[in-house]
Structure formats: structure tokens, C-alpha cells
Amino acid sequence: MTLPTAINAGSIAAGFGVAVGTGALFIFGEVPRVRNDILRQLPFFDTYFDRTIAPEDNPF
């Protein structure tokens, strides 16, 4: 395997890895542990993934 072939294969593998990782985060985004520990730590996603119940909707 030559260096240009390795660079090409590495960039393709990195692209697939980023796509799979991003998809997995958004698929598992409804799991509370993933949502609170990972996704709410990102700067612009903290309000998007905030699932607090409004006080007027709380039955207790």
C-alpha cells in the first residue's frame, strides 16, 4: 500500500466514521443518559435537548 492510497483510504474511513457517529448520537439522543451527559454539553444543542416539563403541565 502506497502513501497516497493510505491517505485516500483514511479520509474515506474518517468520513464514514463521522457520519456513523453523528447518526448514532441523534438516534440515541432520546436516551436520557446520552442526552444529558453528551448532547446537552454542546454549546448550541443545550436548549434544543432540554426536556423539562413546564410547571403548569406538571400534575403534582
N, C-alpha and C. Protein backbone atom coordinates (compact mmCIF):
# COMPACT_ATOMS: atom_id res chain seq x y z
N MET A 1 0.86 -1.16 0.00
CA MET A 1 0.00 0.00 0.00
C MET A 1 0.91 1.23 0.00
N THR A 2 0.65 2.11 -0.93
CA THR A 2 1.45 3.32 -1.02
C THR A 2 0.84 4.41 -0.14
N LEU A 3 1.60 5.46 0.06
CA LEU A 3 1.15 6.56 0.93
C LEU A 3 -0.10 7.25 0.38
N PRO A 4 -0.19 7.58 -0.91
CA PRO A 4 -1.43 8.20 -1.40
C PRO A 4 -2.66 7.30 -1.26
N THR A 5 -2.47 6.00 -1.43
CA THR A 5 -3.59 5.08 -1.25
C THR A 5 -4.03 5.03 0.20
N ALA A 6 -3.06 5.04 1.12
CA ALA A 6 -3.39 5.03 2.54
C ALA A 6 -4.09 6.32 2.96
N ILE A 7 -3.65 7.44 2.43
CA ILE A 7 -4.30 8.72 2.75
C ILE A 7 -5.73 8.74 2.21
N ASN A 8 -5.92 8.23 1.00
CA ASN A 8 -7.26 8.18 0.41
C ASN A 8 -8.17 7.27 1.22
N ALA A 9 -7.68 6.09 1.59
CA ALA A 9 -8.50 5.16 2.38
C ALA A 9 -8.79 5.73 3.76
N GLY A 10 -7.82 6.40 4.35
CA GLY A 10 -8.03 7.01 5.67
C GLY A 10 -9.06 8.12 5.65
N SER A 11 -9.05 8.93 4.62
CA SER A 11 -10.04 10.01 4.54
C SER A 11 -11.44 9.46 4.30
N ILE A 12 -11.55 8.41 3.53
CA ILE A 12 -12.87 7.78 3.32
C ILE A 12 -13.37 7.15 4.61
N ALA A 13 -12.48 6.46 5.33
CA ALA A 13 -12.86 5.85 6.60
C ALA A 13 -13.24 6.91 7.63
N ALA A 14 -12.53 8.02 7.65
CA ALA A 14 -12.86 9.10 8.59
C ALA A 14 -14.23 9.70 8.27
N GLY A 15 -14.53 9.86 7.00
CA GLY A 15 -15.84 10.38 6.61
C GLY A 15 -16.97 9.46 7.03
N PHE A 16 -16.79 8.16 6.82
CA PHE A 16 -17.80 7.21 7.27
C PHE A 16 -17.92 7.19 8.79
N GLY A 17 -16.80 7.32 9.48
CA GLY A 17 -16.83 7.33 10.94
C GLY A 17 -17.58 8.52 11.49
N VAL A 18 -17.36 9.68 10.91
CA VAL A 18 -18.08 10.88 11.35
C VAL A 18 -19.57 10.73 11.07
N ALA A 19 -19.93 10.20 9.92
CA ALA A 19 -21.34 10.03 9.58
C ALA A 19 -22.03 9.05 10.52
N VAL A 20 -21.38 7.93 10.79
CA VAL A 20 -21.96 6.92 11.68
C VAL A 20 -22.04 7.44 13.11
N GLY A 21 -21.02 8.13 13.57
CA GLY A 21 -21.03 8.68 14.92
C GLY A 21 -22.10 9.74 15.11
N THR A 22 -22.27 10.62 14.14
CA THR A 22 -23.31 11.64 14.23
C THR A 22 -24.69 11.01 14.19
N GLY A 23 -24.88 10.05 13.33
CA GLY A 23 -26.17 9.35 13.27
C GLY A 23 -26.48 8.63 14.56
N ALA A 24 -25.48 7.97 15.14
CA ALA A 24 -25.71 7.25 16.40
C ALA A 24 -26.06 8.21 17.53
N LEU A 25 -25.42 9.37 17.58
CA LEU A 25 -25.75 10.34 18.63
C LEU A 25 -27.19 10.82 18.52
N PHE A 26 -27.65 11.07 17.30
CA PHE A 26 -29.02 11.56 17.16
C PHE A 26 -30.05 10.44 17.28
N ILE A 27 -29.68 9.21 16.97
CA ILE A 27 -30.61 8.09 17.19
C ILE A 27 -30.75 7.83 18.68
N PHE A 28 -29.62 7.82 19.39
CA PHE A 28 -29.66 7.58 20.83
C PHE A 28 -29.88 8.86 21.62
N GLY A 29 -30.24 9.95 20.95
CA GLY A 29 -30.47 11.22 21.62
C GLY A 29 -31.67 11.22 22.54
N GLU A 30 -32.55 10.26 22.40
CA GLU A 30 -33.72 10.18 23.28
C GLU A 30 -33.43 9.42 24.56
N VAL A 31 -32.29 8.77 24.65
CA VAL A 31 -31.88 8.10 25.88
C VAL A 31 -31.43 9.19 26.85
N PRO A 32 -32.04 9.27 28.04
CA PRO A 32 -31.73 10.39 28.94
C PRO A 32 -30.25 10.51 29.29
N ARG A 33 -29.56 9.39 29.45
CA ARG A 33 -28.14 9.44 29.81
C ARG A 33 -27.32 10.09 28.69
N VAL A 34 -27.59 9.72 27.45
CA VAL A 34 -26.87 10.29 26.31
C VAL A 34 -27.24 11.76 26.15
N ARG A 35 -28.52 12.06 26.28
CA ARG A 35 -28.99 13.44 26.10
C ARG A 35 -28.38 14.37 27.14
N ASN A 36 -28.36 13.97 28.40
CA ASN A 36 -27.87 14.86 29.45
C ASN A 36 -26.35 14.89 29.54
N ASP A 37 -25.70 13.76 29.35
CA ASP A 37 -24.26 13.71 29.54
C ASP A 37 -23.46 14.13 28.32
N ILE A 38 -24.01 13.94 27.12
CA ILE A 38 -23.24 14.24 25.91
C ILE A 38 -23.83 15.42 25.15
N LEU A 39 -25.09 15.31 24.76
CA LEU A 39 -25.65 16.28 23.82
C LEU A 39 -25.90 17.65 24.45
N ARG A 40 -26.25 17.70 25.72
CA ARG A 40 -26.51 19.00 26.34
C ARG A 40 -25.23 19.73 26.70
N GLN A 41 -24.08 19.09 26.53
CA GLN A 41 -22.80 19.74 26.77
C GLN A 41 -22.33 20.54 25.55
N LEU A 42 -22.94 20.30 24.40
CA LEU A 42 -22.58 21.04 23.19
C LEU A 42 -23.23 22.42 23.24
N PRO A 43 -22.53 23.46 22.79
CA PRO A 43 -22.99 24.83 23.02
C PRO A 43 -24.38 25.16 22.49
N PHE A 44 -24.72 24.78 21.28
CA PHE A 44 -26.00 25.21 20.71
C PHE A 44 -27.11 24.19 20.87
N PHE A 45 -26.78 22.99 21.34
CA PHE A 45 -27.78 21.94 21.49
C PHE A 45 -28.36 21.88 22.89
N ASP A 46 -27.84 22.68 23.83
CA ASP A 46 -28.31 22.55 25.21
C ASP A 46 -29.78 22.95 25.35
N THR A 47 -30.24 23.95 24.65
CA THR A 47 -31.65 24.32 24.74
C THR A 47 -32.52 23.42 23.85
N TYR A 48 -31.95 22.89 22.77
CA TYR A 48 -32.71 22.01 21.88
C TYR A 48 -33.05 20.69 22.56
N PHE A 49 -32.14 20.16 23.35
CA PHE A 49 -32.36 18.89 24.02
C PHE A 49 -32.85 19.05 25.45
N ASP A 50 -33.30 20.23 25.83
CA ASP A 50 -33.84 20.45 27.17
C ASP A 50 -35.27 19.92 27.20
N ARG A 51 -35.52 18.91 28.03
CA ARG A 51 -36.84 18.27 28.09
C ARG A 51 -37.52 18.51 29.44
N THR A 52 -37.37 19.70 29.99
CA THR A 52 -38.02 19.98 31.27
C THR A 52 -39.52 20.17 31.05
N ILE A 53 -40.29 19.81 32.05
CA ILE A 53 -41.74 19.93 32.00
C ILE A 53 -42.12 21.29 32.57
N ALA A 54 -42.97 21.99 31.86
CA ALA A 54 -43.43 23.29 32.33
C ALA A 54 -44.21 23.12 33.63
N PRO A 55 -44.13 24.07 34.55
CA PRO A 55 -44.82 23.92 35.84
C PRO A 55 -46.33 23.76 35.70
N GLU A 56 -46.93 24.38 34.73
CA GLU A 56 -48.38 24.27 34.57
C GLU A 56 -48.80 22.91 34.01
N ASP A 57 -47.86 22.17 33.40
CA ASP A 57 -48.17 20.84 32.89
C ASP A 57 -47.86 19.72 33.88
N ASN A 58 -47.25 20.05 34.98
CA ASN A 58 -46.89 19.05 35.98
C ASN A 58 -48.11 18.73 36.84
N PRO A 59 -48.53 17.47 36.90
CA PRO A 59 -49.75 17.14 37.65
C PRO A 59 -49.56 17.15 39.16
N PHE A 60 -48.34 17.26 39.64
CA PHE A 60 -48.13 17.19 41.08
C PHE A 60 -47.89 18.55 41.65
